[in-house]
Structures are given as structure tokens and as C-alpha cells.
């Protein structure tokens, strides 16, 4: 039998093989670039978020090493490093990019206007200019936002519930894309109803933070609200300052509380990362970010550090304690 006739016979036979047999052919490896705004690679919170994202993908049929590769880069809240890391990821020509946080979203959007970008945990994507509107994002960016501004006033309500003596509140914030200012506006609107004054403290460098908080704490009856995008490198300092000056503080990042901060109120961030995997899945299957509406959190949680509450002499009301999802002893 001639070789070409043999090839024809084999080809005809293969066309009739059962689907299960043909499906054993290797799947095409897809590639994702993942840029982290603040966390170092060994940060436990970063690892938990990454694991939640990977779990979400696995539930949708994607497995790292089998049909998926994920390349991670860490910006450590450094704008130049984020820009370079974003350019590195874009140069890899991935099928999709993931932005963990506002700073990462900015860097990736500046690096590419064509590759699909899914953000996993950002604030005010419209105000920051990532999308045209929430329902129809347009462009190459969509994802899951971490804050609805209507929820910002609840940070102030919670602080007053656990520390009724508070009359002055420092709002520690980083203004990126305008969202820090928008959160402050909501806090300021809620303040008169709760009988407090809210003072903004913009985060820049370590020395400035320490001076600003120390100056604020000279007067009595103070408290703090720490809103998103304060860098992970400043977290330990802020927790230490709150303890040193005995300032009750509500944080909008859970990892502050696991490291000694008083109380967290905000979205279930791990849920945001799991849900973000669903958009990456849809992009990998051919859908466009422009057609995928930006989604808000659906789960909120309260995390309380009981040891810190006791050290501040706070008696947590039963109404607050009933809302606590996790107690850290």
C-alpha cells in the first residue's frame, strides 16, 4: 500500500472516532497576566485572593499547568514599578489581563487599549476613567468594584456604635482617580447626622503619615477611618499609630484587622476575586469586556479584633457583635 493511500485511510478513520477519543488531543494553553497593586508575593492576604481567583477558574474548567498559565507581577504601590510590570505583562501577549486594585488598573490601561482587562477590586471605575459607564463599559476594561459609595457612610456609623465618645474622625486615604475624594464626600455628608467632624489626611510618605496622625491625636475624642488604596507597606505603621494614640479605627481592608487593627467593614474581597474569574472565563471564550457590565459587591462582612477592642477599653454593643462575621481573638 502506498504511503498517501495509508494516510487517507487513517484520516477517514479518525474523523469517525468517538468524540471522547478525539477530545484527548492536547488543549491550547491560554495565558493570563495578573498585576497586583500593593501586595508583595509572600503576603498572606495576596495569596488568599490569588487562591480564590484560581478556585473560581478551576470551577469553570481552567487548570494552571493543563490549559492555563498565569504570570504574576507585583507593583508594591510604586507607580514606576507598576508601569514597568504592566508593560512586561503586555509584552507577553496574554489572552487576558487581571488588575488587582486601582493602581494596577491604571498601569494596565495605560499599557494597552486592546488586550482585555478584568479588574478584580477597584473603586469608582467610572470616575477613575476605566469605563464609560457601569452597564456598558466600552473599551477593553471591565470587572468588579469593591465599593459602592452609599456604603461609605456605614463606616462612620459603625465607628460611632463601637466608640460613642468619638467626635473627631481622621479619614486616612489615598486619592487615586478621584475615588478617595468621593468617599470622603459621603463621609462628610453623614457626619452632621452622627455629631462628628471628619478630617481628611492624604497618604504620601511614612513621615507625613506619622506627623499627621500624631497632630490629630493631640485633641481628645478622636477616631479613624482608613479607606481603600492605602498601601500595604503603610499598614503596619497605621495600625501602630492607632494603638499608640488609642484611636478606635474602622478599616476598609480586612488584612488590617488580622494584623491588629480594630474592626473591618466592607465587601467579602475573596468573593470578588472568585467572581472575577467568571469574567476572565467569558473573555477566554470570546466575549468582549465592552459588553460585560461592571458588577458591585454582593457580600459584605464585619471582622472584629477582640483583643484590640479590649486594649482600647471598648465594650462592643450586642447589636454590633451580632453582625460580626469573624472574631479574631
Protein backbone atom coordinates (compact mmCIF):
# COMPACT_ATOMS: atom_id res chain seq x y z
CA UNK A 1 0.00 0.00 0.00
CA UNK A 2 1.30 3.40 -0.97
CA UNK A 3 2.00 5.91 1.85
CA UNK A 4 -0.55 8.51 0.66
CA UNK A 5 -3.31 5.89 0.49
CA UNK A 6 -2.45 4.83 4.05
CA UNK A 7 -2.72 8.47 5.23
CA UNK A 8 -6.13 8.82 3.56
CA UNK A 9 -7.41 5.70 5.31
CA UNK A 10 -6.14 6.86 8.73
CA UNK A 11 -7.61 10.33 8.21
CA UNK A 12 -11.02 8.92 7.31
CA UNK A 13 -10.96 6.65 10.33
CA UNK A 14 -10.01 9.47 12.69
CA UNK A 15 -12.97 11.55 11.52
CA UNK A 16 -15.23 8.76 12.69
CA UNK A 17 -13.61 8.25 16.07
CA UNK A 18 -15.85 8.90 19.09
CA UNK A 19 -15.77 12.44 20.49
CA UNK A 20 -14.26 11.19 23.76
CA UNK A 21 -11.25 9.83 21.87
CA UNK A 22 -10.75 12.99 19.82
CA UNK A 23 -11.09 15.14 22.95
CA UNK A 24 -7.91 13.60 24.32
CA UNK A 25 -5.92 15.85 21.99
CA UNK A 26 -3.94 18.50 23.98
CA UNK A 27 -5.85 21.69 24.80
CA UNK A 28 -4.42 25.02 23.72
CA UNK A 29 -2.65 26.69 26.63
CA UNK A 30 -4.21 30.08 27.44
CA UNK A 31 -2.30 32.84 29.21
CA UNK A 32 -3.31 35.41 31.82
CA UNK A 33 -1.22 38.33 33.09
CA UNK A 34 -2.01 39.29 36.71
CA UNK A 35 -0.83 42.62 38.16
CA UNK A 36 -1.07 43.29 41.91
CA UNK A 37 -1.20 46.92 43.07
CA UNK A 38 0.09 46.74 46.63
CA UNK A 39 0.89 43.26 47.90
CA UNK A 40 4.29 41.55 47.89
CA UNK A 41 4.35 37.98 46.63
CA UNK A 42 4.56 36.46 50.12
CA UNK A 43 1.70 38.46 51.66
CA UNK A 44 -0.90 36.04 53.14
CA UNK A 45 -3.82 38.22 52.02
CA UNK A 46 -2.49 38.34 48.47
CA UNK A 47 -2.10 34.57 48.48
CA UNK A 48 -5.67 34.10 49.74
CA UNK A 49 -7.02 36.36 46.99
CA UNK A 50 -4.97 34.60 44.34
CA UNK A 51 -6.21 31.24 45.57
CA UNK A 52 -9.84 32.42 45.44
CA UNK A 53 -9.32 33.58 41.85
CA UNK A 54 -7.69 30.27 40.88
CA UNK A 55 -10.51 28.35 42.54
CA UNK A 56 -13.06 30.31 40.54
CA UNK A 57 -11.24 29.48 37.32
CA UNK A 58 -10.92 25.81 38.24
CA UNK A 59 -14.66 25.55 38.82
CA UNK A 60 -15.09 26.82 35.25
CA UNK A 61 -12.75 24.24 33.74
CA UNK A 62 -9.42 26.10 33.78
CA UNK A 63 -6.44 24.47 35.43
CA UNK A 64 -2.98 26.02 35.79
CA UNK A 65 -0.47 23.80 34.03
CA UNK A 66 -3.07 21.97 31.95
CA UNK A 67 -4.82 24.59 29.86
CA UNK A 68 -3.85 27.82 31.62
CA UNK A 69 -0.76 29.78 32.58
CA UNK A 70 -0.83 32.79 34.94
CA UNK A 71 2.05 35.27 35.02
CA UNK A 72 2.09 37.42 38.18
CA UNK A 73 3.74 40.79 38.74
CA UNK A 74 3.76 42.86 41.93
CA UNK A 75 3.71 46.66 41.91
CA UNK A 76 4.16 47.27 45.66
CA UNK A 77 2.28 50.58 45.29
CA UNK A 78 5.23 52.01 43.33
CA UNK A 79 3.99 53.82 40.21
CA UNK A 80 7.18 53.28 38.19
CA UNK A 81 7.36 49.61 39.12
CA UNK A 82 3.68 49.16 38.24
CA UNK A 83 4.20 50.79 34.85
CA UNK A 84 7.17 48.54 34.04
CA UNK A 85 5.37 45.45 35.30
CA UNK A 86 2.31 46.28 33.19
CA UNK A 87 4.50 46.67 30.11
CA UNK A 88 6.18 43.32 30.83
CA UNK A 89 2.82 41.56 31.05
CA UNK A 90 1.52 43.19 27.87
CA UNK A 91 4.69 42.13 26.03
CA UNK A 92 3.83 38.50 26.84
CA UNK A 93 0.70 38.91 24.66
CA UNK A 94 -1.68 37.19 27.12
CA UNK A 95 -5.26 36.32 26.29
CA UNK A 96 -6.45 38.43 29.24
CA UNK A 97 -5.06 40.71 31.94
CA UNK A 98 -6.22 40.99 35.53
CA UNK A 99 -5.80 44.14 37.64
CA UNK A 100 -5.85 43.73 41.41
CA UNK A 101 -6.58 47.24 42.65
CA UNK A 102 -6.80 50.75 41.22
CA UNK A 103 -3.09 51.31 40.74
CA UNK A 104 -2.81 48.10 38.72
CA UNK A 105 -5.84 49.05 36.63
CA UNK A 106 -4.31 52.42 35.80
CA UNK A 107 -0.99 50.87 34.80
CA UNK A 108 -2.54 48.17 32.60
CA UNK A 109 -4.91 50.56 30.87
CA UNK A 110 -2.00 52.86 30.08
CA UNK A 111 -0.03 49.90 28.72
CA UNK A 112 -2.72 48.59 26.36
CA UNK A 113 -6.01 49.69 24.86
CA UNK A 114 -6.60 46.42 23.04
CA UNK A 115 -5.87 43.43 25.29
CA UNK A 116 -8.86 42.54 27.53
CA UNK A 117 -8.50 43.73 31.15
CA UNK A 118 -10.62 42.47 34.06
CA UNK A 119 -10.23 44.38 37.32
CA UNK A 120 -10.85 42.43 40.49
CA UNK A 121 -11.07 45.01 43.24
CA UNK A 122 -11.25 48.71 42.33
CA UNK A 123 -13.14 51.79 43.45
CA UNK A 124 -15.13 54.16 41.24
CA UNK A 125 -14.21 52.74 37.82
CA UNK A 126 -16.27 55.43 36.07
CA UNK A 127 -14.76 58.34 38.00
CA UNK A 128 -11.29 56.88 37.51
CA UNK A 129 -11.90 56.68 33.75
CA UNK A 130 -11.52 52.91 33.36
CA UNK A 131 -15.01 52.50 31.86
CA UNK A 132 -17.58 54.74 30.21
CA UNK A 133 -20.41 53.54 32.43
CA UNK A 134 -21.17 50.56 34.63
CA UNK A 135 -23.80 48.95 32.41
CA UNK A 136 -21.84 49.13 29.15
CA UNK A 137 -18.16 49.70 29.90
CA UNK A 138 -16.98 50.17 26.31
CA UNK A 139 -13.30 49.82 25.57
CA UNK A 140 -11.19 46.90 26.74
CA UNK A 141 -11.80 47.07 30.52
CA UNK A 142 -14.46 45.72 32.88
CA UNK A 143 -14.66 43.91 36.19
CA UNK A 144 -15.72 44.05 39.83
CA UNK A 145 -15.65 47.14 42.01
CA UNK A 146 -15.05 46.93 45.73
CA UNK A 147 -17.10 49.87 46.98
CA UNK A 148 -20.49 51.39 46.49
CA UNK A 149 -20.29 54.92 47.85
CA UNK A 150 -23.60 54.55 49.67
CA UNK A 151 -21.76 52.06 51.90
CA UNK A 152 -19.07 54.56 52.93
CA UNK A 153 -21.32 56.27 55.46
CA UNK A 154 -21.70 52.94 57.24
CA UNK A 155 -18.03 53.04 58.18
CA UNK A 156 -18.78 56.18 60.19
CA UNK A 157 -21.95 54.70 61.70
CA UNK A 158 -20.02 51.63 62.83
CA UNK A 159 -17.30 53.74 64.43
CA UNK A 160 -19.87 55.70 66.44
CA UNK A 161 -21.60 52.50 67.53
CA UNK A 162 -18.45 50.94 68.96
CA UNK A 163 -16.94 54.21 70.26
CA UNK A 164 -19.77 56.66 71.06
CA UNK A 165 -17.33 59.15 72.60
CA UNK A 166 -15.74 59.88 69.20
CA UNK A 167 -16.35 63.44 67.99
CA UNK A 168 -13.49 63.84 65.52
CA UNK A 169 -12.62 61.36 62.77
CA UNK A 170 -9.47 61.30 60.65
CA UNK A 171 -10.08 59.82 57.21
CA UNK A 172 -6.77 58.31 56.07
CA UNK A 173 -6.92 57.97 52.32
CA UNK A 174 -5.02 57.93 49.05
CA UNK A 175 -6.64 59.93 46.27
CA UNK A 176 -6.32 57.95 43.04
CA UNK A 177 -8.54 58.74 40.06
CA UNK A 178 -10.78 60.84 42.30
CA UNK A 179 -12.25 57.97 44.30
CA UNK A 180 -10.61 58.97 47.59
CA UNK A 181 -12.28 62.34 47.33
CA UNK A 182 -15.65 60.76 46.52
CA UNK A 183 -15.53 58.51 49.59
CA UNK A 184 -14.68 61.49 51.77
CA UNK A 185 -17.68 63.39 50.36
CA UNK A 186 -20.02 60.60 51.53
CA UNK A 187 -18.40 60.53 54.98
CA UNK A 188 -18.68 64.30 55.21
CA UNK A 189 -22.37 64.19 54.31
CA UNK A 190 -23.07 61.59 57.01
CA UNK A 191 -21.01 63.36 59.69
CA UNK A 192 -23.54 66.00 60.89
CA UNK A 193 -26.19 63.33 61.47
CA UNK A 194 -23.77 61.49 63.76
CA UNK A 195 -22.39 64.57 65.51
CA UNK A 196 -18.81 64.26 64.29
CA UNK A 197 -16.30 66.20 62.23
CA UNK A 198 -14.36 64.35 59.52
CA UNK A 199 -10.85 65.50 58.67
CA UNK A 200 -9.08 64.16 55.55
CA UNK A 201 -5.46 63.00 55.82
CA UNK A 202 -3.92 62.27 52.44
CA UNK A 203 -1.34 59.48 52.49
CA UNK A 204 2.00 60.34 50.92
CA UNK A 205 5.07 59.14 52.79
CA UNK A 206 5.73 57.48 56.14
CA UNK A 207 6.95 60.63 57.87
CA UNK A 208 3.94 62.62 56.73
CA UNK A 209 1.51 59.95 57.96
CA UNK A 210 3.13 59.80 61.38
CA UNK A 211 3.14 63.59 61.78
CA UNK A 212 -0.46 64.00 60.60
CA UNK A 213 -1.89 61.27 62.85
CA UNK A 214 0.14 62.48 65.86
CA UNK A 215 -1.08 66.06 65.34
CA UNK A 216 -4.68 64.83 65.01
CA UNK A 217 -4.43 62.76 68.21
CA UNK A 218 -3.40 65.73 70.38
CA UNK A 219 -7.07 66.61 70.83
CA UNK A 220 -9.38 64.15 72.63
CA UNK A 221 -12.29 62.03 71.38
CA UNK A 222 -10.66 61.07 68.11
CA UNK A 223 -11.11 58.06 65.85
CA UNK A 224 -10.00 56.96 62.39
CA UNK A 225 -11.45 55.58 59.20
CA UNK A 226 -8.94 54.09 56.78
CA UNK A 227 -10.35 53.91 53.27
CA UNK A 228 -9.01 51.86 50.32
CA UNK A 229 -5.77 52.28 48.39
CA UNK A 230 -3.61 52.94 51.42
CA UNK A 231 -0.51 50.92 50.56
CA UNK A 232 0.27 47.60 52.19
CA UNK A 233 3.70 48.98 53.09
CA UNK A 234 1.97 51.57 55.32
CA UNK A 235 -0.36 49.11 57.01
CA UNK A 236 1.84 48.26 59.97
CA UNK A 237 2.57 51.92 60.64
CA UNK A 238 -1.11 52.88 60.64
CA UNK A 239 -2.06 50.02 62.99
CA UNK A 240 0.79 51.02 65.34
CA UNK A 241 -0.25 54.70 65.31
CA UNK A 242 -3.86 53.80 66.14
CA UNK A 243 -2.65 51.70 69.09
CA UNK A 244 -0.13 54.29 70.30
CA UNK A 245 -2.66 57.13 70.31
CA UNK A 246 -5.56 54.90 71.41
CA UNK A 247 -7.64 55.79 68.37
CA UNK A 248 -10.58 53.45 67.59
CA UNK A 249 -10.36 52.76 63.87
CA UNK A 250 -12.59 51.23 61.22
CA UNK A 251 -10.74 49.82 58.23
CA UNK A 252 -11.96 49.06 54.74
CA UNK A 253 -9.37 46.30 54.24
CA UNK A 254 -9.71 43.09 56.21
CA UNK A 255 -5.97 42.45 56.48
CA UNK A 256 -5.57 45.46 58.80
CA UNK A 257 -7.70 43.67 61.38
CA UNK A 258 -5.92 40.33 61.08
CA UNK A 259 -2.69 42.22 61.85
CA UNK A 260 -4.01 44.06 64.91
CA UNK A 261 -6.44 46.73 63.71
CA UNK A 262 -9.81 47.08 65.45
CA UNK A 263 -12.63 46.37 63.00
CA UNK A 264 -13.30 45.90 59.29
CA UNK A 265 -16.49 46.59 57.40
CA UNK A 266 -16.62 46.06 53.67
CA UNK A 267 -17.09 43.62 50.84
CA UNK A 268 -16.09 39.98 51.01
CA UNK A 269 -12.96 40.55 48.91
CA UNK A 270 -12.31 36.86 48.32
CA UNK A 271 -15.76 36.65 46.78
CA UNK A 272 -14.83 39.50 44.40
CA UNK A 273 -11.79 37.55 43.22
CA UNK A 274 -13.79 34.34 42.75
CA UNK A 275 -16.39 36.25 40.73
CA UNK A 276 -13.69 37.98 38.67
CA UNK A 277 -12.67 34.55 37.43
CA UNK A 278 -16.07 34.26 35.75
CA UNK A 279 -15.34 37.32 33.61
CA UNK A 280 -11.90 36.05 32.69
CA UNK A 281 -13.58 32.78 31.66
CA UNK A 282 -16.03 34.66 29.45
CA UNK A 283 -13.21 36.67 27.86
CA UNK A 284 -11.24 33.49 27.17
CA UNK A 285 -14.33 32.08 25.48
CA UNK A 286 -14.65 35.06 23.15
CA UNK A 287 -16.74 37.73 24.88
CA UNK A 288 -15.58 41.35 24.94
CA UNK A 289 -15.09 43.46 28.09
CA UNK A 290 -17.09 46.24 26.46
CA UNK A 291 -20.21 44.07 26.69
CA UNK A 292 -19.73 42.82 30.27
CA UNK A 293 -21.28 45.17 32.87
CA UNK A 294 -19.21 46.25 35.85
CA UNK A 295 -20.50 44.47 38.96
CA UNK A 296 -20.75 45.64 42.57
CA UNK A 297 -20.15 43.56 45.71
CA UNK A 298 -22.97 41.26 46.74
CA UNK A 299 -21.48 40.11 50.07
CA UNK A 300 -20.36 42.34 52.94
CA UNK A 301 -18.73 41.29 56.19
CA UNK A 302 -17.65 42.61 59.58
CA UNK A 303 -14.40 41.36 61.13
CA UNK A 304 -13.57 42.30 64.74
CA UNK A 305 -10.25 42.03 66.57
CA UNK A 306 -11.46 41.38 70.12
CA UNK A 307 -8.01 41.72 71.67
CA UNK A 308 -7.65 45.22 70.20
CA UNK A 309 -11.12 46.19 71.39
CA UNK A 310 -10.21 45.15 74.93
CA UNK A 311 -6.90 47.04 74.81
CA UNK A 312 -8.83 50.20 73.89
CA UNK A 313 -11.34 49.61 76.69
CA UNK A 314 -14.24 49.30 74.27
CA UNK A 315 -17.38 47.42 75.17
CA UNK A 316 -18.74 46.20 71.83
CA UNK A 317 -22.56 46.58 71.78
CA UNK A 318 -24.59 43.42 71.32
CA UNK A 319 -26.17 44.93 68.19
CA UNK A 320 -22.72 45.22 66.59
CA UNK A 321 -21.49 41.88 67.87
CA UNK A 322 -24.49 40.19 66.28
CA UNK A 323 -23.35 41.48 62.87
CA UNK A 324 -19.76 40.24 63.22
CA UNK A 325 -18.87 37.51 60.73
CA UNK A 326 -15.43 36.76 62.15
CA UNK A 327 -13.84 37.41 65.55
CA UNK A 328 -10.07 37.49 65.88
CA UNK A 329 -9.06 36.76 69.47
